[in-house]
């Protein structure tokens, strides 16, 4: 997890854009079971996500996207605004080290919040969005404890989405909020909803509660 320990940041990005920031970290399962249709639709969804945010001038300045994949754990993209975010072409391989991915992602969020504070940049509560089609192949209980602590202290909002054969029982133990099950492979609808939600948050005042649209891409 050393790749998460020292993530450099520069003050120039904040001098050029002093807008409040709305960070969103994507934790995406790219294990072998995602290969084929799921990973293809996930890639299409990421492109739609970037395009949708890019169509909102204020979200372009305020929303920041970070991306970590697991299968194995890899930092794909540090936090950056949508105009700089280049959706990768993900491929499925490996197992599902979900616990390590969550722990590394939480450290990313902690460091980014520290960068905002050092540079005097207001920020909205970070969103962390986990998508998986399986069950963790490593120890996830420590990560679950960190999520509960972070949610309790309002340090971030953690969302979990299960795809196809995801172990929803474990996701319910990891997340404080009720995990959602993706209907089929409707990644496009999921990312349209996510971009719309982040745009709504970015238009609000920092700390203001924003009602979210029902996730039409999910099923019970």
C-alpha atoms as a PDB file:
ATOM      1  CA  UNK A   1       0.000   0.000   0.000  1.00  0.00           C
ATOM      2  CA  UNK A   2       3.032   2.282  -0.218  1.00  0.00           C
ATOM      3  CA  UNK A   3       1.649   3.918  -3.350  1.00  0.00           C
ATOM      4  CA  UNK A   4      -0.988   5.588  -1.163  1.00  0.00           C
ATOM      5  CA  UNK A   5       1.399   6.888   1.480  1.00  0.00           C
ATOM      6  CA  UNK A   6       2.960   9.797  -0.388  1.00  0.00           C
ATOM      7  CA  UNK A   7       0.585  11.416  -2.862  1.00  0.00           C
ATOM      8  CA  UNK A   8       2.094  14.781  -3.846  1.00  0.00           C
ATOM      9  CA  UNK A   9      -0.032  17.868  -4.378  1.00  0.00           C
ATOM     10  CA  UNK A  10       0.787  21.355  -5.505  1.00  0.00           C
ATOM     11  CA  UNK A  11      -0.672  24.682  -4.464  1.00  0.00           C
ATOM     12  CA  UNK A  12      -0.804  25.913  -8.076  1.00  0.00           C
ATOM     13  CA  UNK A  13      -3.959  23.908  -8.801  1.00  0.00           C
ATOM     14  CA  UNK A  14      -5.725  25.705  -5.956  1.00  0.00           C
ATOM     15  CA  UNK A  15      -4.362  29.112  -6.931  1.00  0.00           C
ATOM     16  CA  UNK A  16      -5.690  28.614 -10.454  1.00  0.00           C
ATOM     17  CA  UNK A  17      -9.002  27.265  -9.190  1.00  0.00           C
ATOM     18  CA  UNK A  18      -9.926  28.365  -5.642  1.00  0.00           C
ATOM     19  CA  UNK A  19     -13.475  26.965  -5.885  1.00  0.00           C
ATOM     20  CA  UNK A  20     -14.696  24.652  -3.096  1.00  0.00           C
ATOM     21  CA  UNK A  21     -14.025  21.014  -3.889  1.00  0.00           C
ATOM     22  CA  UNK A  22     -16.398  18.058  -3.994  1.00  0.00           C
ATOM     23  CA  UNK A  23     -14.178  14.944  -4.024  1.00  0.00           C
ATOM     24  CA  UNK A  24     -15.485  11.576  -5.208  1.00  0.00           C
ATOM     25  CA  UNK A  25     -13.340   8.458  -4.883  1.00  0.00           C
ATOM     26  CA  UNK A  26     -14.263   5.450  -7.039  1.00  0.00           C
ATOM     27  CA  UNK A  27     -13.216   2.048  -5.678  1.00  0.00           C
ATOM     28  CA  UNK A  28     -13.773  -0.334  -8.586  1.00  0.00           C
ATOM     29  CA  UNK A  29     -13.550  -4.120  -8.579  1.00  0.00           C
ATOM     30  CA  UNK A  30     -11.487  -5.262 -11.583  1.00  0.00           C
ATOM     31  CA  UNK A  31     -11.048  -8.871 -10.494  1.00  0.00           C
ATOM     32  CA  UNK A  32     -11.141 -11.721 -13.013  1.00  0.00           C
ATOM     33  CA  UNK A  33     -14.882 -12.275 -12.553  1.00  0.00           C
ATOM     34  CA  UNK A  34     -15.550  -8.777 -13.941  1.00  0.00           C
ATOM     35  CA  UNK A  35     -13.963  -9.651 -17.295  1.00  0.00           C
ATOM     36  CA  UNK A  36     -16.246  -9.556 -20.329  1.00  0.00           C
ATOM     37  CA  UNK A  37     -19.620  -7.828 -20.218  1.00  0.00           C
ATOM     38  CA  UNK A  38     -19.318  -6.295 -16.731  1.00  0.00           C
ATOM     39  CA  UNK A  39     -15.925  -4.642 -17.323  1.00  0.00           C
ATOM     40  CA  UNK A  40     -16.979  -3.446 -20.783  1.00  0.00           C
ATOM     41  CA  UNK A  41     -20.100  -1.783 -19.403  1.00  0.00           C
ATOM     42  CA  UNK A  42     -18.113  -0.354 -16.502  1.00  0.00           C
ATOM     43  CA  UNK A  43     -15.698   1.259 -18.969  1.00  0.00           C
ATOM     44  CA  UNK A  44     -18.603   2.757 -20.918  1.00  0.00           C
ATOM     45  CA  UNK A  45     -20.094   4.039 -17.675  1.00  0.00           C
ATOM     46  CA  UNK A  46     -16.861   5.814 -16.730  1.00  0.00           C
ATOM     47  CA  UNK A  47     -16.819   7.616 -20.083  1.00  0.00           C
ATOM     48  CA  UNK A  48     -20.439   8.710 -19.586  1.00  0.00           C
ATOM     49  CA  UNK A  49     -19.555   9.870 -16.058  1.00  0.00           C
ATOM     50  CA  UNK A  50     -16.778  12.124 -17.296  1.00  0.00           C
ATOM     51  CA  UNK A  51     -18.878  13.503 -20.169  1.00  0.00           C
ATOM     52  CA  UNK A  52     -21.825  14.280 -17.909  1.00  0.00           C
ATOM     53  CA  UNK A  53     -19.681  16.171 -15.398  1.00  0.00           C
ATOM     54  CA  UNK A  54     -17.911  18.007 -18.217  1.00  0.00           C
ATOM     55  CA  UNK A  55     -21.264  19.381 -19.386  1.00  0.00           C
ATOM     56  CA  UNK A  56     -21.715  21.231 -16.061  1.00  0.00           C
ATOM     57  CA  UNK A  57     -19.353  24.257 -15.882  1.00  0.00           C
ATOM     58  CA  UNK A  58     -19.542  24.524 -12.086  1.00  0.00           C
ATOM     59  CA  UNK A  59     -19.061  20.792 -11.516  1.00  0.00           C
ATOM     60  CA  UNK A  60     -16.021  20.977 -13.806  1.00  0.00           C
ATOM     61  CA  UNK A  61     -14.419  23.323 -11.292  1.00  0.00           C
ATOM     62  CA  UNK A  62     -15.632  21.775  -8.062  1.00  0.00           C
ATOM     63  CA  UNK A  63     -15.946  18.004  -8.471  1.00  0.00           C
ATOM     64  CA  UNK A  64     -12.760  15.969  -8.178  1.00  0.00           C
ATOM     65  CA  UNK A  65     -12.485  12.323  -9.220  1.00  0.00           C
ATOM     66  CA  UNK A  66     -10.075   9.785  -7.750  1.00  0.00           C
ATOM     67  CA  UNK A  67      -9.906   6.191  -8.949  1.00  0.00           C
ATOM     68  CA  UNK A  68      -8.583   3.045  -7.266  1.00  0.00           C
ATOM     69  CA  UNK A  69      -9.072  -0.430  -8.724  1.00  0.00           C
ATOM     70  CA  UNK A  70      -8.649  -3.726  -6.931  1.00  0.00           C
ATOM     71  CA  UNK A  71      -7.630  -6.991  -8.561  1.00  0.00           C
ATOM     72  CA  UNK A  72      -4.838  -6.160  -7.516  1.00  0.00           C
ATOM     73  CA  UNK A  73      -5.033  -2.786  -5.729  1.00  0.00           C
ATOM     74  CA  UNK A  74      -3.881   0.014  -8.020  1.00  0.00           C
ATOM     75  CA  UNK A  75      -4.012   3.793  -7.785  1.00  0.00           C
ATOM     76  CA  UNK A  76      -5.233   4.657 -11.289  1.00  0.00           C
ATOM     77  CA  UNK A  77      -5.944   8.354 -10.831  1.00  0.00           C
ATOM     78  CA  UNK A  78      -5.306  10.779  -7.999  1.00  0.00           C
ATOM     79  CA  UNK A  79      -7.985  13.415  -7.337  1.00  0.00           C
ATOM     80  CA  UNK A  80      -8.468  15.728 -10.300  1.00  0.00           C
ATOM     81  CA  UNK A  81     -11.219  17.779 -11.902  1.00  0.00           C
ATOM     82  CA  UNK A  82     -13.256  16.224 -14.753  1.00  0.00           C
ATOM     83  CA  UNK A  83     -11.408  18.168 -17.462  1.00  0.00           C
ATOM     84  CA  UNK A  84      -8.199  16.399 -16.411  1.00  0.00           C
ATOM     85  CA  UNK A  85      -9.711  12.983 -15.704  1.00  0.00           C
ATOM     86  CA  UNK A  86      -9.107  10.497 -18.516  1.00  0.00           C
ATOM     87  CA  UNK A  87     -11.321   7.401 -18.099  1.00  0.00           C
ATOM     88  CA  UNK A  88      -9.035   4.359 -18.289  1.00  0.00           C
ATOM     89  CA  UNK A  89      -9.744   1.152 -20.176  1.00  0.00           C
ATOM     90  CA  UNK A  90     -10.034  -1.324 -17.325  1.00  0.00           C
ATOM     91  CA  UNK A  91      -9.442  -5.050 -17.655  1.00  0.00           C
ATOM     92  CA  UNK A  92     -10.473  -7.841 -15.322  1.00  0.00           C
ATOM     93  CA  UNK A  93      -7.779  -9.923 -13.623  1.00  0.00           C
ATOM     94  CA  UNK A  94      -6.770 -11.230 -10.211  1.00  0.00           C
ATOM     95  CA  UNK A  95      -8.638 -11.635  -6.952  1.00  0.00           C
ATOM     96  CA  UNK A  96     -10.672  -9.186  -4.849  1.00  0.00           C
ATOM     97  CA  UNK A  97      -8.524  -7.430  -2.191  1.00  0.00           C
ATOM     98  CA  UNK A  98     -11.389  -5.151  -1.168  1.00  0.00           C
ATOM     99  CA  UNK A  99     -10.163  -4.492   2.363  1.00  0.00           C
ATOM    100  CA  UNK A 100      -6.791  -3.202   1.163  1.00  0.00           C
ATOM    101  CA  UNK A 101      -8.466  -1.056  -1.514  1.00  0.00           C
ATOM    102  CA  UNK A 102     -10.788   0.563   1.023  1.00  0.00           C
ATOM    103  CA  UNK A 103      -7.961   1.234   3.485  1.00  0.00           C
ATOM    104  CA  UNK A 104      -5.795   2.790   0.769  1.00  0.00           C
ATOM    105  CA  UNK A 105      -8.720   4.823  -0.538  1.00  0.00           C
ATOM    106  CA  UNK A 106      -9.500   6.216   2.902  1.00  0.00           C
ATOM    107  CA  UNK A 107      -5.871   7.309   3.218  1.00  0.00           C
ATOM    108  CA  UNK A 108      -6.175   9.066  -0.161  1.00  0.00           C
ATOM    109  CA  UNK A 109      -9.231  10.934   1.067  1.00  0.00           C
ATOM    110  CA  UNK A 110      -7.480  11.893   4.312  1.00  0.00           C
ATOM    111  CA  UNK A 111      -4.510  13.296   2.412  1.00  0.00           C
ATOM    112  CA  UNK A 112      -6.701  15.212  -0.012  1.00  0.00           C
ATOM    113  CA  UNK A 113      -8.677  16.813   2.805  1.00  0.00           C
ATOM    114  CA  UNK A 114      -5.388  17.825   4.388  1.00  0.00           C
ATOM    115  CA  UNK A 115      -4.314  19.436   1.111  1.00  0.00           C
ATOM    116  CA  UNK A 116      -7.543  21.451   1.048  1.00  0.00           C
ATOM    117  CA  UNK A 117      -6.996  22.625   4.611  1.00  0.00           C
ATOM    118  CA  UNK A 118      -3.355  23.612   4.023  1.00  0.00           C
ATOM    119  CA  UNK A 119      -4.376  25.657   0.986  1.00  0.00           C
ATOM    120  CA  UNK A 120      -7.502  27.186   2.539  1.00  0.00           C
ATOM    121  CA  UNK A 121      -9.910  25.452   0.143  1.00  0.00           C
ATOM    122  CA  UNK A 122     -13.442  24.744   1.456  1.00  0.00           C
ATOM    123  CA  UNK A 123     -14.701  21.254   0.649  1.00  0.00           C
ATOM    124  CA  UNK A 124     -17.861  19.192   0.696  1.00  0.00           C
ATOM    125  CA  UNK A 125     -18.030  15.878   2.499  1.00  0.00           C
ATOM    126  CA  UNK A 126     -16.164  13.409   0.244  1.00  0.00           C
ATOM    127  CA  UNK A 127     -18.067  10.631  -1.479  1.00  0.00           C
ATOM    128  CA  UNK A 128     -16.551   7.142  -1.654  1.00  0.00           C
ATOM    129  CA  UNK A 129     -18.247   4.854  -4.169  1.00  0.00           C
ATOM    130  CA  UNK A 130     -17.417   1.132  -4.087  1.00  0.00           C
ATOM    131  CA  UNK A 131     -18.513  -1.200  -6.901  1.00  0.00           C
ATOM    132  CA  UNK A 132     -17.888  -4.962  -6.684  1.00  0.00           C
ATOM    133  CA  UNK A 133     -19.221  -8.190  -8.164  1.00  0.00           C
ATOM    134  CA  UNK A 134     -17.801 -10.578  -5.580  1.00  0.00           C
ATOM    135  CA  UNK A 135     -16.607 -10.981  -2.009  1.00  0.00           C
ATOM    136  CA  UNK A 136     -13.353  -9.766  -0.424  1.00  0.00           C
ATOM    137  CA  UNK A 137     -10.419 -12.158  -0.671  1.00  0.00           C
ATOM    138  CA  UNK A 138      -8.549 -10.351   2.113  1.00  0.00           C
ATOM    139  CA  UNK A 139      -9.355  -9.161   5.631  1.00  0.00           C
ATOM    140  CA  UNK A 140     -12.078  -6.509   5.352  1.00  0.00           C
ATOM    141  CA  UNK A 141     -13.070  -6.071   8.997  1.00  0.00           C
ATOM    142  CA  UNK A 142     -10.521  -3.348   9.726  1.00  0.00           C
ATOM    143  CA  UNK A 143     -11.746  -1.422   6.698  1.00  0.00           C
ATOM    144  CA  UNK A 144     -15.334  -1.826   7.867  1.00  0.00           C
ATOM    145  CA  UNK A 145     -14.406  -0.347  11.254  1.00  0.00           C
ATOM    146  CA  UNK A 146     -12.739   2.632   9.549  1.00  0.00           C
ATOM    147  CA  UNK A 147     -15.848   3.220   7.437  1.00  0.00           C
ATOM    148  CA  UNK A 148     -18.098   3.208  10.477  1.00  0.00           C
ATOM    149  CA  UNK A 149     -15.796   5.640  12.271  1.00  0.00           C
ATOM    150  CA  UNK A 150     -15.624   7.951   9.254  1.00  0.00           C
ATOM    151  CA  UNK A 151     -19.373   7.938   8.722  1.00  0.00           C
ATOM    152  CA  UNK A 152     -20.013   8.626  12.402  1.00  0.00           C
ATOM    153  CA  UNK A 153     -17.661  11.609  12.378  1.00  0.00           C
ATOM    154  CA  UNK A 154     -19.134  12.799   9.041  1.00  0.00           C
ATOM    155  CA  UNK A 155     -15.676  12.517   7.503  1.00  0.00           C
ATOM    156  CA  UNK A 156     -17.094  11.058   4.287  1.00  0.00           C
ATOM    157  CA  UNK A 157     -20.122   9.317   2.776  1.00  0.00           C
ATOM    158  CA  UNK A 158     -19.503   5.701   1.747  1.00  0.00           C
ATOM    159  CA  UNK A 159     -21.714   3.980  -0.823  1.00  0.00           C
ATOM    160  CA  UNK A 160     -21.495   0.294  -1.811  1.00  0.00           C
ATOM    161  CA  UNK A 161     -22.934  -1.205  -4.992  1.00  0.00           C
ATOM    162  CA  UNK A 162     -23.106  -4.922  -5.691  1.00  0.00           C
ATOM    163  CA  UNK A 163     -23.008  -6.272  -9.248  1.00  0.00           C
ATOM    164  CA  UNK A 164     -24.398  -9.653 -10.307  1.00  0.00           C
ATOM    165  CA  UNK A 165     -23.102 -12.223  -7.778  1.00  0.00           C
ATOM    166  CA  UNK A 166     -21.694  -9.775  -5.225  1.00  0.00           C
ATOM    167  CA  UNK A 167     -21.819 -10.901  -1.598  1.00  0.00           C
ATOM    168  CA  UNK A 168     -24.419  -8.433  -0.347  1.00  0.00           C
ATOM    169  CA  UNK A 169     -24.258  -9.835   3.210  1.00  0.00           C
ATOM    170  CA  UNK A 170     -20.602  -8.816   3.539  1.00  0.00           C
ATOM    171  CA  UNK A 171     -21.282  -5.441   1.903  1.00  0.00           C
ATOM    172  CA  UNK A 172     -23.946  -4.814   4.546  1.00  0.00           C
ATOM    173  CA  UNK A 173     -21.312  -5.437   7.213  1.00  0.00           C
ATOM    174  CA  UNK A 174     -18.806  -3.129   5.532  1.00  0.00           C
ATOM    175  CA  UNK A 175     -21.069  -0.173   4.734  1.00  0.00           C
ATOM    176  CA  UNK A 176     -23.163   1.864   7.159  1.00  0.00           C
ATOM    177  CA  UNK A 177     -25.602   2.835   4.401  1.00  0.00           C
ATOM    178  CA  UNK A 178     -27.643  -0.001   2.910  1.00  0.00           C
ATOM    179  CA  UNK A 179     -25.745  -1.362  -0.118  1.00  0.00           C
ATOM    180  CA  UNK A 180     -27.567  -1.254  -3.438  1.00  0.00           C
ATOM    181  CA  UNK A 181     -27.721  -3.988  -6.075  1.00  0.00           C
ATOM    182  CA  UNK A 182     -27.162  -2.913  -9.665  1.00  0.00           C
ATOM    183  CA  UNK A 183     -29.997  -3.965 -11.950  1.00  0.00           C
ATOM    184  CA  UNK A 184     -28.327  -6.054 -14.632  1.00  0.00           C
ATOM    185  CA  UNK A 185     -25.320  -4.181 -16.014  1.00  0.00           C
ATOM    186  CA  UNK A 186     -26.831  -0.693 -15.935  1.00  0.00           C
ATOM    187  CA  UNK A 187     -23.515   1.015 -15.264  1.00  0.00           C
ATOM    188  CA  UNK A 188     -24.426   3.850 -17.606  1.00  0.00           C
ATOM    189  CA  UNK A 189     -27.545   4.716 -15.587  1.00  0.00           C
ATOM    190  CA  UNK A 190     -25.559   4.436 -12.360  1.00  0.00           C
ATOM    191  CA  UNK A 191     -22.922   6.911 -13.528  1.00  0.00           C
ATOM    192  CA  UNK A 192     -25.515   9.307 -14.940  1.00  0.00           C
ATOM    193  CA  UNK A 193     -27.147   9.308 -11.488  1.00  0.00           C
ATOM    194  CA  UNK A 194     -23.763   9.747  -9.773  1.00  0.00           C
ATOM    195  CA  UNK A 195     -22.766  12.679 -11.980  1.00  0.00           C
ATOM    196  CA  UNK A 196     -26.160  14.338 -11.473  1.00  0.00           C
ATOM    197  CA  UNK A 197     -25.895  13.871  -7.698  1.00  0.00           C
ATOM    198  CA  UNK A 198     -22.389  15.334  -7.555  1.00  0.00           C
ATOM    199  CA  UNK A 199     -23.481  18.260  -9.718  1.00  0.00           C
ATOM    200  CA  UNK A 200     -26.316  18.955  -7.286  1.00  0.00           C
ATOM    201  CA  UNK A 201     -23.945  18.819  -4.330  1.00  0.00           C
ATOM    202  CA  UNK A 202     -21.449  21.130  -6.057  1.00  0.00           C
ATOM    203  CA  UNK A 203     -24.199  23.731  -6.593  1.00  0.00           C
ATOM    204  CA  UNK A 204     -25.127  23.736  -2.905  1.00  0.00           C
ATOM    205  CA  UNK A 205     -23.447  25.432   0.005  1.00  0.00           C
ATOM    206  CA  UNK A 206     -20.644  23.558   1.761  1.00  0.00           C
ATOM    207  CA  UNK A 207     -22.198  21.514   4.565  1.00  0.00           C
ATOM    208  CA  UNK A 208     -25.716  21.819   3.174  1.00  0.00           C
ATOM    209  CA  UNK A 209     -27.797  18.636   2.950  1.00  0.00           C
ATOM    210  CA  UNK A 210     -28.853  17.893  -0.638  1.00  0.00           C
ATOM    211  CA  UNK A 211     -31.776  15.559  -1.433  1.00  0.00           C
ATOM    212  CA  UNK A 212     -30.778  12.906  -3.969  1.00  0.00           C
ATOM    213  CA  UNK A 213     -32.900  11.435  -6.724  1.00  0.00           C
ATOM    214  CA  UNK A 214     -33.937   7.790  -6.259  1.00  0.00           C
ATOM    215  CA  UNK A 215     -31.380   5.448  -7.836  1.00  0.00           C
ATOM    216  CA  UNK A 216     -33.425   4.017 -10.689  1.00  0.00           C
ATOM    217  CA  UNK A 217     -30.524   1.752 -11.630  1.00  0.00           C
ATOM    218  CA  UNK A 218     -30.779  -0.241  -8.401  1.00  0.00           C
ATOM    219  CA  UNK A 219     -33.023  -3.042  -7.244  1.00  0.00           C
ATOM    220  CA  UNK A 220     -33.651  -4.629  -3.877  1.00  0.00           C
END
